[in-house]
Amino acid sequence: MKKLMFAVFDNVAKLYMQPFLETNDGTAVRAIQDAAKGDHPFARHPQDFTLTRLGTYDEETGTLNQDNKADIIELKTLVGE
């Protein structure tokens, strides 16, 4: 089965955080909204982070295709500043 792979890019550190798999862009955004609550860095500094689709991960072959890599949303638009 193929799933989409996402990671949050830290615009200050210039690094991607640990990647995660989701069904589509919408479910990835929802997962980040759930994570960006309380005292989480996403909630404290939303301007520092961008959700990025890294590509498509094939669970059967273990391959990653990055033809569809794209920035999805800046967290500041989800959480507010």
N, C-alpha and C. Protein backbone atom coordinates (compact mmCIF):
# COMPACT_ATOMS: atom_id res chain seq x y z
N MET A 1 0.84 -1.18 0.00
CA MET A 1 0.00 0.00 0.00
C MET A 1 0.89 1.25 0.00
N LYS A 2 0.46 2.25 -0.73
CA LYS A 2 1.20 3.50 -0.77
C LYS A 2 0.56 4.52 0.16
N LYS A 3 1.42 5.21 0.90
CA LYS A 3 0.98 6.28 1.80
C LYS A 3 1.86 7.48 1.55
N LEU A 4 1.37 8.62 1.98
CA LEU A 4 2.16 9.83 1.85
C LEU A 4 3.03 10.01 3.09
N MET A 5 4.25 10.48 2.87
CA MET A 5 5.19 10.73 3.96
C MET A 5 5.34 12.25 4.13
N PHE A 6 5.25 12.68 5.38
CA PHE A 6 5.32 14.09 5.73
C PHE A 6 6.39 14.31 6.79
N ALA A 7 6.85 15.55 6.89
CA ALA A 7 7.71 15.98 7.98
C ALA A 7 7.48 17.46 8.19
N VAL A 8 7.72 17.90 9.39
CA VAL A 8 7.66 19.33 9.69
C VAL A 8 9.08 19.88 9.54
N PHE A 9 9.20 20.96 8.78
CA PHE A 9 10.49 21.61 8.60
C PHE A 9 10.60 22.74 9.62
N ASP A 10 11.71 22.74 10.36
CA ASP A 10 11.99 23.79 11.33
C ASP A 10 12.75 24.88 10.58
N ASN A 11 12.10 26.00 10.33
CA ASN A 11 12.69 27.09 9.56
C ASN A 11 13.86 27.78 10.26
N VAL A 12 13.95 27.64 11.57
CA VAL A 12 15.05 28.24 12.32
C VAL A 12 16.27 27.31 12.32
N ALA A 13 16.05 26.04 12.63
CA ALA A 13 17.15 25.07 12.65
C ALA A 13 17.57 24.63 11.25
N LYS A 14 16.67 24.85 10.27
CA LYS A 14 16.90 24.43 8.88
C LYS A 14 17.04 22.91 8.79
N LEU A 15 16.15 22.21 9.53
CA LEU A 15 16.15 20.75 9.57
C LEU A 15 14.72 20.23 9.52
N TYR A 16 14.57 19.03 8.96
CA TYR A 16 13.29 18.34 8.98
C TYR A 16 13.20 17.49 10.24
N MET A 17 12.04 17.48 10.86
CA MET A 17 11.79 16.62 12.01
C MET A 17 11.52 15.19 11.51
N GLN A 18 11.32 14.28 12.45
CA GLN A 18 11.07 12.89 12.10
C GLN A 18 9.85 12.77 11.19
N PRO A 19 9.98 12.04 10.07
CA PRO A 19 8.84 11.90 9.16
C PRO A 19 7.74 11.01 9.73
N PHE A 20 6.54 11.19 9.18
CA PHE A 20 5.39 10.37 9.57
C PHE A 20 4.53 10.10 8.34
N LEU A 21 3.75 9.03 8.40
CA LEU A 21 2.90 8.63 7.29
C LEU A 21 1.46 9.03 7.56
N GLU A 22 0.77 9.46 6.49
CA GLU A 22 -0.66 9.77 6.57
C GLU A 22 -1.33 9.40 5.26
N THR A 23 -2.64 9.38 5.27
CA THR A 23 -3.43 9.01 4.11
C THR A 23 -3.41 10.08 3.03
N ASN A 24 -3.53 11.36 3.44
CA ASN A 24 -3.53 12.46 2.48
C ASN A 24 -3.11 13.75 3.18
N ASP A 25 -3.06 14.84 2.43
CA ASP A 25 -2.62 16.12 2.99
C ASP A 25 -3.53 16.56 4.14
N GLY A 26 -4.84 16.35 3.99
CA GLY A 26 -5.79 16.77 5.02
C GLY A 26 -5.59 16.07 6.34
N THR A 27 -5.33 14.77 6.31
CA THR A 27 -5.12 14.05 7.57
C THR A 27 -3.78 14.43 8.20
N ALA A 28 -2.81 14.80 7.38
CA ALA A 28 -1.52 15.27 7.91
C ALA A 28 -1.70 16.62 8.61
N VAL A 29 -2.48 17.51 8.00
CA VAL A 29 -2.76 18.80 8.63
C VAL A 29 -3.47 18.59 9.96
N ARG A 30 -4.44 17.68 9.98
CA ARG A 30 -5.17 17.41 11.22
C ARG A 30 -4.23 16.87 12.30
N ALA A 31 -3.32 15.99 11.93
CA ALA A 31 -2.36 15.45 12.90
C ALA A 31 -1.49 16.55 13.50
N ILE A 32 -1.09 17.50 12.67
CA ILE A 32 -0.27 18.61 13.16
C ILE A 32 -1.11 19.54 14.03
N GLN A 33 -2.36 19.77 13.67
CA GLN A 33 -3.24 20.58 14.52
C GLN A 33 -3.39 19.95 15.90
N ASP A 34 -3.53 18.64 15.96
CA ASP A 34 -3.63 17.94 17.23
C ASP A 34 -2.34 18.06 18.04
N ALA A 35 -1.20 18.02 17.35
CA ALA A 35 0.10 18.12 18.04
C ALA A 35 0.38 19.53 18.53
N ALA A 36 -0.17 20.53 17.86
CA ALA A 36 0.14 21.93 18.15
C ALA A 36 -0.76 22.50 19.24
N LYS A 37 -0.80 21.82 20.36
CA LYS A 37 -1.64 22.27 21.47
C LYS A 37 -0.80 22.39 22.74
N GLY A 38 -1.27 23.19 23.65
CA GLY A 38 -0.60 23.30 24.94
C GLY A 38 0.78 23.92 24.84
N ASP A 39 1.72 23.25 25.44
CA ASP A 39 3.08 23.79 25.55
C ASP A 39 4.01 23.25 24.46
N HIS A 40 3.46 22.68 23.42
CA HIS A 40 4.27 22.14 22.33
C HIS A 40 4.95 23.28 21.57
N PRO A 41 6.19 23.07 21.09
CA PRO A 41 6.86 24.12 20.30
C PRO A 41 6.05 24.59 19.10
N PHE A 42 5.24 23.71 18.49
CA PHE A 42 4.39 24.12 17.37
C PHE A 42 3.42 25.21 17.81
N ALA A 43 2.92 25.11 19.05
CA ALA A 43 1.97 26.09 19.58
C ALA A 43 2.68 27.36 20.03
N ARG A 44 3.87 27.21 20.60
CA ARG A 44 4.61 28.37 21.11
C ARG A 44 5.27 29.18 20.00
N HIS A 45 5.70 28.53 18.93
CA HIS A 45 6.45 29.20 17.85
C HIS A 45 5.96 28.75 16.48
N PRO A 46 4.68 28.88 16.18
CA PRO A 46 4.16 28.36 14.92
C PRO A 46 4.81 28.97 13.68
N GLN A 47 5.31 30.19 13.79
CA GLN A 47 5.95 30.84 12.66
C GLN A 47 7.25 30.15 12.24
N ASP A 48 7.77 29.27 13.08
CA ASP A 48 9.04 28.60 12.82
C ASP A 48 8.91 27.29 12.05
N PHE A 49 7.68 26.84 11.76
CA PHE A 49 7.49 25.49 11.23
C PHE A 49 6.61 25.45 9.98
N THR A 50 6.96 24.53 9.07
CA THR A 50 6.21 24.30 7.84
C THR A 50 5.98 22.81 7.66
N LEU A 51 4.74 22.41 7.42
CA LEU A 51 4.43 21.02 7.12
C LEU A 51 4.77 20.76 5.66
N THR A 52 5.57 19.73 5.42
CA THR A 52 6.02 19.39 4.07
C THR A 52 5.67 17.95 3.73
N ARG A 53 5.13 17.75 2.53
CA ARG A 53 4.95 16.39 2.01
C ARG A 53 6.28 15.99 1.38
N LEU A 54 6.89 14.93 1.91
CA LEU A 54 8.18 14.48 1.40
C LEU A 54 8.05 13.62 0.15
N GLY A 55 6.95 12.91 0.05
CA GLY A 55 6.75 12.04 -1.11
C GLY A 55 5.80 10.91 -0.78
N THR A 56 5.84 9.90 -1.62
CA THR A 56 4.99 8.72 -1.47
C THR A 56 5.84 7.54 -1.03
N TYR A 57 5.40 6.87 0.02
CA TYR A 57 6.11 5.71 0.56
C TYR A 57 5.34 4.45 0.21
N ASP A 58 6.00 3.50 -0.39
CA ASP A 58 5.39 2.22 -0.76
C ASP A 58 5.72 1.21 0.33
N GLU A 59 4.72 0.80 1.09
CA GLU A 59 4.94 -0.13 2.20
C GLU A 59 5.36 -1.52 1.74
N GLU A 60 5.03 -1.88 0.52
CA GLU A 60 5.38 -3.21 0.03
C GLU A 60 6.82 -3.30 -0.45
N THR A 61 7.34 -2.21 -1.02
CA THR A 61 8.70 -2.25 -1.56
C THR A 61 9.70 -1.46 -0.72
N GLY A 62 9.20 -0.61 0.17
CA GLY A 62 10.08 0.21 0.99
C GLY A 62 10.67 1.39 0.24
N THR A 63 10.14 1.72 -0.92
CA THR A 63 10.70 2.81 -1.70
C THR A 63 9.95 4.12 -1.43
N LEU A 64 10.67 5.22 -1.60
CA LEU A 64 10.14 6.56 -1.44
C LEU A 64 10.29 7.30 -2.75
N ASN A 65 9.18 7.79 -3.27
CA ASN A 65 9.19 8.57 -4.50
C ASN A 65 8.93 10.02 -4.12
N GLN A 66 9.86 10.90 -4.47
CA GLN A 66 9.74 12.30 -4.07
C GLN A 66 9.25 13.21 -5.20
N ASP A 67 8.62 12.64 -6.22
CA ASP A 67 8.11 13.45 -7.32
C ASP A 67 7.04 14.44 -6.89
N ASN A 68 6.35 14.15 -5.79
CA ASN A 68 5.27 15.03 -5.33
C ASN A 68 5.62 15.80 -4.06
N LYS A 69 6.93 16.01 -3.82
CA LYS A 69 7.36 16.76 -2.63
C LYS A 69 6.86 18.20 -2.74
N ALA A 70 6.28 18.70 -1.62
CA ALA A 70 5.74 20.07 -1.63
C ALA A 70 5.50 20.55 -0.20
N ASP A 71 5.64 21.85 0.00
CA ASP A 71 5.20 22.45 1.25
C ASP A 71 3.68 22.46 1.26
N ILE A 72 3.10 22.04 2.38
CA ILE A 72 1.65 21.95 2.49
C ILE A 72 1.06 23.19 3.16
N ILE A 73 1.61 23.54 4.33
CA ILE A 73 1.06 24.69 5.06
C ILE A 73 2.06 25.16 6.10
N GLU A 74 2.11 26.47 6.30
CA GLU A 74 2.90 27.05 7.39
C GLU A 74 2.06 26.93 8.65
N LEU A 75 2.67 26.46 9.72
CA LEU A 75 1.90 26.23 10.94
C LEU A 75 1.29 27.50 11.50
N LYS A 76 1.88 28.66 11.22
CA LYS A 76 1.31 29.90 11.74
C LYS A 76 -0.11 30.13 11.21
N THR A 77 -0.45 29.57 10.06
CA THR A 77 -1.81 29.72 9.54
C THR A 77 -2.80 28.78 10.25
N LEU A 78 -2.27 27.74 10.88
CA LEU A 78 -3.12 26.79 11.62
C LEU A 78 -3.33 27.22 13.07
N VAL A 79 -2.26 27.67 13.69
CA VAL A 79 -2.26 27.91 15.12
C VAL A 79 -2.49 29.38 15.42
N GLY A 80 -2.08 30.26 14.53
CA GLY A 80 -2.15 31.69 14.80
C GLY A 80 -0.92 32.16 15.52
N GLU A 81 -0.71 33.44 15.48
CA GLU A 81 0.48 33.99 16.13
C GLU A 81 0.12 34.84 17.31
